[in-house]
Amino acid sequence: MLNIKNFHLLNGLSPDFSFLDMKYIIEIRYFMEYRNNVLFDEENKTNLHIKFLWQPNSIDTFYEASMNFYGVENFELFANGGALQLSISEIIDLRDRSWENIRFQVRDVENRDIDFYCNSIEVLDVKESPIIDN
C-alpha cells in the first residue's frame, strides 16, 4: 500500500480506488519551498500541486482531487493546451530502492505526458466537480 497522506479522502469515496480512474489533469502548479532566502540552495524543495478530474469506477459523477507532491525531481510535462487527458496513470513505490529523497514515481504510462519523482504525496481535498466530460 502506498504511504500517501490523507489517502482516506480517495479511498473513503471509492473503496476500490485506483489511479487508473484519474481521467484528466485540470490544474498544475510548480512551486518552490524555500528554507532560507537563497534562490539556489540544496535545502529548497521543488513541489507540484495537481488537480485531477477523477471518475470513480461505476460512478457517473466526476470529482476534483487536489494533491501535492513534495520534493519533486526530473519533472516532465507535455501539454498542448486544455485539460491533460491521462490514459494509464500510476504511482510507483520506489522506497525499496533506497534512492536518496526519492520514494515515488508518478507517470502516465501510455502517453507519457507527465513523469516525475517525488519524496512524498498528500491528498488535500476531494470534492464533486461541476465539470463534465462530453
C-alpha atoms as a PDB file:
ATOM      1  CA  MET A   1       0.000   0.000   0.000  1.00  0.00           C
ATOM      2  CA  LEU A   2       1.277   3.452  -0.903  1.00  0.00           C
ATOM      3  CA  ASN A   3       2.046   5.753   2.005  1.00  0.00           C
ATOM      4  CA  ILE A   4       0.054   8.811   0.869  1.00  0.00           C
ATOM      5  CA  LYS A   5      -1.062  11.351   3.470  1.00  0.00           C
ATOM      6  CA  ASN A   6      -4.878  11.668   3.648  1.00  0.00           C
ATOM      7  CA  PHE A   7      -5.353   8.760   1.238  1.00  0.00           C
ATOM      8  CA  HIS A   8      -8.611   8.045   3.082  1.00  0.00           C
ATOM      9  CA  LEU A   9     -10.173  11.011   1.219  1.00  0.00           C
ATOM     10  CA  LEU A  10      -9.905   8.996  -2.008  1.00  0.00           C
ATOM     11  CA  ASN A  11     -10.408   5.537  -0.576  1.00  0.00           C
ATOM     12  CA  GLY A  12     -13.395   6.663   1.500  1.00  0.00           C
ATOM     13  CA  LEU A  13     -15.256   7.775  -1.602  1.00  0.00           C
ATOM     14  CA  SER A  14     -14.226   4.757  -3.630  1.00  0.00           C
ATOM     15  CA  PRO A  15     -13.051   1.706  -1.631  1.00  0.00           C
ATOM     16  CA  ASP A  16     -11.669   0.228  -4.873  1.00  0.00           C
ATOM     17  CA  PHE A  17      -9.740   3.419  -5.665  1.00  0.00           C
ATOM     18  CA  SER A  18      -7.205   3.162  -8.473  1.00  0.00           C
ATOM     19  CA  PHE A  19      -5.044   5.865 -10.042  1.00  0.00           C
ATOM     20  CA  LEU A  20      -6.322   4.478 -13.342  1.00  0.00           C
ATOM     21  CA  ASP A  21      -9.581   6.301 -12.503  1.00  0.00           C
ATOM     22  CA  MET A  22      -7.795   9.676 -12.768  1.00  0.00           C
ATOM     23  CA  LYS A  23      -9.029  10.854 -16.169  1.00  0.00           C
ATOM     24  CA  TYR A  24      -7.575  14.362 -16.578  1.00  0.00           C
ATOM     25  CA  ILE A  25      -5.253  16.931 -15.053  1.00  0.00           C
ATOM     26  CA  ILE A  26      -7.154  20.227 -14.941  1.00  0.00           C
ATOM     27  CA  GLU A  27      -4.662  22.277 -12.915  1.00  0.00           C
ATOM     28  CA  ILE A  28      -0.952  22.073 -12.264  1.00  0.00           C
ATOM     29  CA  ARG A  29       1.281  24.430 -10.303  1.00  0.00           C
ATOM     30  CA  TYR A  30       5.034  24.127  -9.886  1.00  0.00           C
ATOM     31  CA  PHE A  31       6.310  25.911  -6.769  1.00  0.00           C
ATOM     32  CA  MET A  32       9.336  26.169  -4.503  1.00  0.00           C
ATOM     33  CA  GLU A  33       9.510  25.812  -0.739  1.00  0.00           C
ATOM     34  CA  TYR A  34      12.424  27.970   0.395  1.00  0.00           C
ATOM     35  CA  ARG A  35      14.333  27.008   3.543  1.00  0.00           C
ATOM     36  CA  ASN A  36      16.159  30.355   3.538  1.00  0.00           C
ATOM     37  CA  ASN A  37      16.395  33.410   1.297  1.00  0.00           C
ATOM     38  CA  VAL A  38      18.929  31.919  -1.139  1.00  0.00           C
ATOM     39  CA  LEU A  39      17.409  31.127  -4.537  1.00  0.00           C
ATOM     40  CA  PHE A  40      19.653  28.167  -5.419  1.00  0.00           C
ATOM     41  CA  ASP A  41      20.149  26.191  -2.223  1.00  0.00           C
ATOM     42  CA  GLU A  42      20.032  22.407  -1.922  1.00  0.00           C
ATOM     43  CA  GLU A  43      17.742  22.845   1.115  1.00  0.00           C
ATOM     44  CA  ASN A  44      14.999  24.316  -1.117  1.00  0.00           C
ATOM     45  CA  LYS A  45      12.299  21.865  -2.202  1.00  0.00           C
ATOM     46  CA  THR A  46      10.514  21.756  -5.542  1.00  0.00           C
ATOM     47  CA  ASN A  47       6.841  20.833  -5.273  1.00  0.00           C
ATOM     48  CA  LEU A  48       3.833  20.278  -7.519  1.00  0.00           C
ATOM     49  CA  HIS A  49       0.175  20.937  -6.897  1.00  0.00           C
ATOM     50  CA  ILE A  50      -2.031  18.920  -9.255  1.00  0.00           C
ATOM     51  CA  LYS A  51      -5.810  18.883  -9.502  1.00  0.00           C
ATOM     52  CA  PHE A  52      -7.082  15.707 -11.130  1.00  0.00           C
ATOM     53  CA  LEU A  53     -10.517  15.163 -12.604  1.00  0.00           C
ATOM     54  CA  TRP A  54     -11.434  11.783 -11.233  1.00  0.00           C
ATOM     55  CA  GLN A  55     -14.284   9.435 -12.045  1.00  0.00           C
ATOM     56  CA  PRO A  56     -14.511   6.552  -9.597  1.00  0.00           C
ATOM     57  CA  ASN A  57     -15.312   3.234 -11.197  1.00  0.00           C
ATOM     58  CA  SER A  58     -19.048   2.692 -11.766  1.00  0.00           C
ATOM     59  CA  ILE A  59     -19.983   6.253 -10.691  1.00  0.00           C
ATOM     60  CA  ASP A  60     -21.289   8.799 -13.226  1.00  0.00           C
ATOM     61  CA  THR A  61     -20.112  11.820 -11.215  1.00  0.00           C
ATOM     62  CA  PHE A  62     -16.710  13.446 -11.640  1.00  0.00           C
ATOM     63  CA  TYR A  63     -14.664  14.603  -8.659  1.00  0.00           C
ATOM     64  CA  GLU A  64     -11.761  17.011  -8.352  1.00  0.00           C
ATOM     65  CA  ALA A  65      -8.891  15.562  -6.325  1.00  0.00           C
ATOM     66  CA  SER A  66      -6.266  18.110  -5.272  1.00  0.00           C
ATOM     67  CA  MET A  67      -2.881  16.657  -4.401  1.00  0.00           C
ATOM     68  CA  ASN A  68       0.551  17.997  -3.513  1.00  0.00           C
ATOM     69  CA  PHE A  69       3.755  16.208  -4.463  1.00  0.00           C
ATOM     70  CA  TYR A  70       6.786  17.235  -2.391  1.00  0.00           C
ATOM     71  CA  GLY A  71      10.480  17.036  -3.232  1.00  0.00           C
ATOM     72  CA  VAL A  72       9.862  16.736  -6.982  1.00  0.00           C
ATOM     73  CA  GLU A  73      12.742  15.809  -9.280  1.00  0.00           C
ATOM     74  CA  ASN A  74      13.054  15.189 -13.036  1.00  0.00           C
ATOM     75  CA  PHE A  75       9.665  16.766 -13.768  1.00  0.00           C
ATOM     76  CA  GLU A  76       8.496  16.289 -17.367  1.00  0.00           C
ATOM     77  CA  LEU A  77       5.212  17.599 -18.763  1.00  0.00           C
ATOM     78  CA  PHE A  78       3.979  17.525 -22.354  1.00  0.00           C
ATOM     79  CA  ALA A  79       0.786  19.538 -22.759  1.00  0.00           C
ATOM     80  CA  ASN A  80      -0.889  21.049 -25.820  1.00  0.00           C
ATOM     81  CA  GLY A  81      -3.433  23.204 -24.020  1.00  0.00           C
ATOM     82  CA  GLY A  82      -6.698  22.389 -22.348  1.00  0.00           C
ATOM     83  CA  ALA A  83      -7.103  19.516 -19.934  1.00  0.00           C
ATOM     84  CA  LEU A  84      -4.364  16.914 -19.985  1.00  0.00           C
ATOM     85  CA  GLN A  85      -6.012  13.545 -20.675  1.00  0.00           C
ATOM     86  CA  LEU A  86      -4.468  10.637 -18.801  1.00  0.00           C
ATOM     87  CA  SER A  87      -4.509   7.143 -20.224  1.00  0.00           C
ATOM     88  CA  ILE A  88      -2.789   4.822 -17.754  1.00  0.00           C
ATOM     89  CA  SER A  89      -1.643   6.820 -14.727  1.00  0.00           C
ATOM     90  CA  GLU A  90       0.264   5.185 -11.924  1.00  0.00           C
ATOM     91  CA  ILE A  91       2.233   5.913  -8.799  1.00  0.00           C
ATOM     92  CA  ILE A  92       5.120   3.515  -8.288  1.00  0.00           C
ATOM     93  CA  ASP A  93       6.505   2.897  -4.797  1.00  0.00           C
ATOM     94  CA  LEU A  94      10.310   3.162  -5.000  1.00  0.00           C
ATOM     95  CA  ARG A  95      11.102   3.044  -1.271  1.00  0.00           C
ATOM     96  CA  ASP A  96      12.798  -0.360  -1.557  1.00  0.00           C
ATOM     97  CA  ARG A  97      15.405   1.090  -3.949  1.00  0.00           C
ATOM     98  CA  SER A  98      16.948   3.307  -1.214  1.00  0.00           C
ATOM     99  CA  TRP A  99      17.259   6.321  -3.508  1.00  0.00           C
ATOM    100  CA  GLU A 100      18.075   9.463  -1.575  1.00  0.00           C
ATOM    101  CA  ASN A 101      14.929  11.599  -1.120  1.00  0.00           C
ATOM    102  CA  ILE A 102      13.003   9.640  -3.789  1.00  0.00           C
ATOM    103  CA  ARG A 103      10.083   7.453  -2.728  1.00  0.00           C
ATOM    104  CA  PHE A 104       7.649   7.580  -5.656  1.00  0.00           C
ATOM    105  CA  GLN A 105       7.483   7.848  -9.418  1.00  0.00           C
ATOM    106  CA  VAL A 106       4.324   9.419 -10.867  1.00  0.00           C
ATOM    107  CA  ARG A 107       3.684   8.926 -14.561  1.00  0.00           C
ATOM    108  CA  ASP A 108       1.251   8.385 -17.368  1.00  0.00           C
ATOM    109  CA  VAL A 109       2.443   5.148 -18.927  1.00  0.00           C
ATOM    110  CA  GLU A 110       0.771   5.187 -22.332  1.00  0.00           C
ATOM    111  CA  ASN A 111       1.003   8.811 -23.493  1.00  0.00           C
ATOM    112  CA  ARG A 112       3.998   9.798 -21.337  1.00  0.00           C
ATOM    113  CA  ASP A 113       2.536  13.290 -20.914  1.00  0.00           C
ATOM    114  CA  ILE A 114       3.685  13.545 -17.305  1.00  0.00           C
ATOM    115  CA  ASP A 115       6.520  11.861 -15.432  1.00  0.00           C
ATOM    116  CA  PHE A 116       8.369  12.800 -12.232  1.00  0.00           C
ATOM    117  CA  TYR A 117       9.832  11.505  -8.986  1.00  0.00           C
ATOM    118  CA  CYS A 118       8.953  12.786  -5.531  1.00  0.00           C
ATOM    119  CA  ASN A 119       9.599  12.304  -1.846  1.00  0.00           C
ATOM    120  CA  SER A 120       6.033  12.426  -0.517  1.00  0.00           C
ATOM    121  CA  ILE A 121       2.416  12.830  -1.592  1.00  0.00           C
ATOM    122  CA  GLU A 122      -0.538  14.440   0.165  1.00  0.00           C
ATOM    123  CA  VAL A 123      -4.214  14.443  -0.817  1.00  0.00           C
ATOM    124  CA  LEU A 124      -5.515  17.916   0.068  1.00  0.00           C
ATOM    125  CA  ASP A 125      -9.147  17.838  -0.957  1.00  0.00           C
ATOM    126  CA  VAL A 126     -11.736  15.819  -2.880  1.00  0.00           C
ATOM    127  CA  LYS A 127     -14.970  17.444  -3.987  1.00  0.00           C
ATOM    128  CA  GLU A 128     -17.681  16.889  -6.551  1.00  0.00           C
ATOM    129  CA  SER A 129     -16.886  18.673  -9.807  1.00  0.00           C
ATOM    130  CA  PRO A 130     -19.200  20.818 -11.934  1.00  0.00           C
ATOM    131  CA  ILE A 131     -17.041  19.823 -14.935  1.00  0.00           C
ATOM    132  CA  ILE A 132     -18.412  17.148 -17.241  1.00  0.00           C
ATOM    133  CA  ASP A 133     -16.683  15.032 -19.854  1.00  0.00           C
ATOM    134  CA  ASN A 134     -18.633  15.418 -23.063  1.00  0.00           C
END
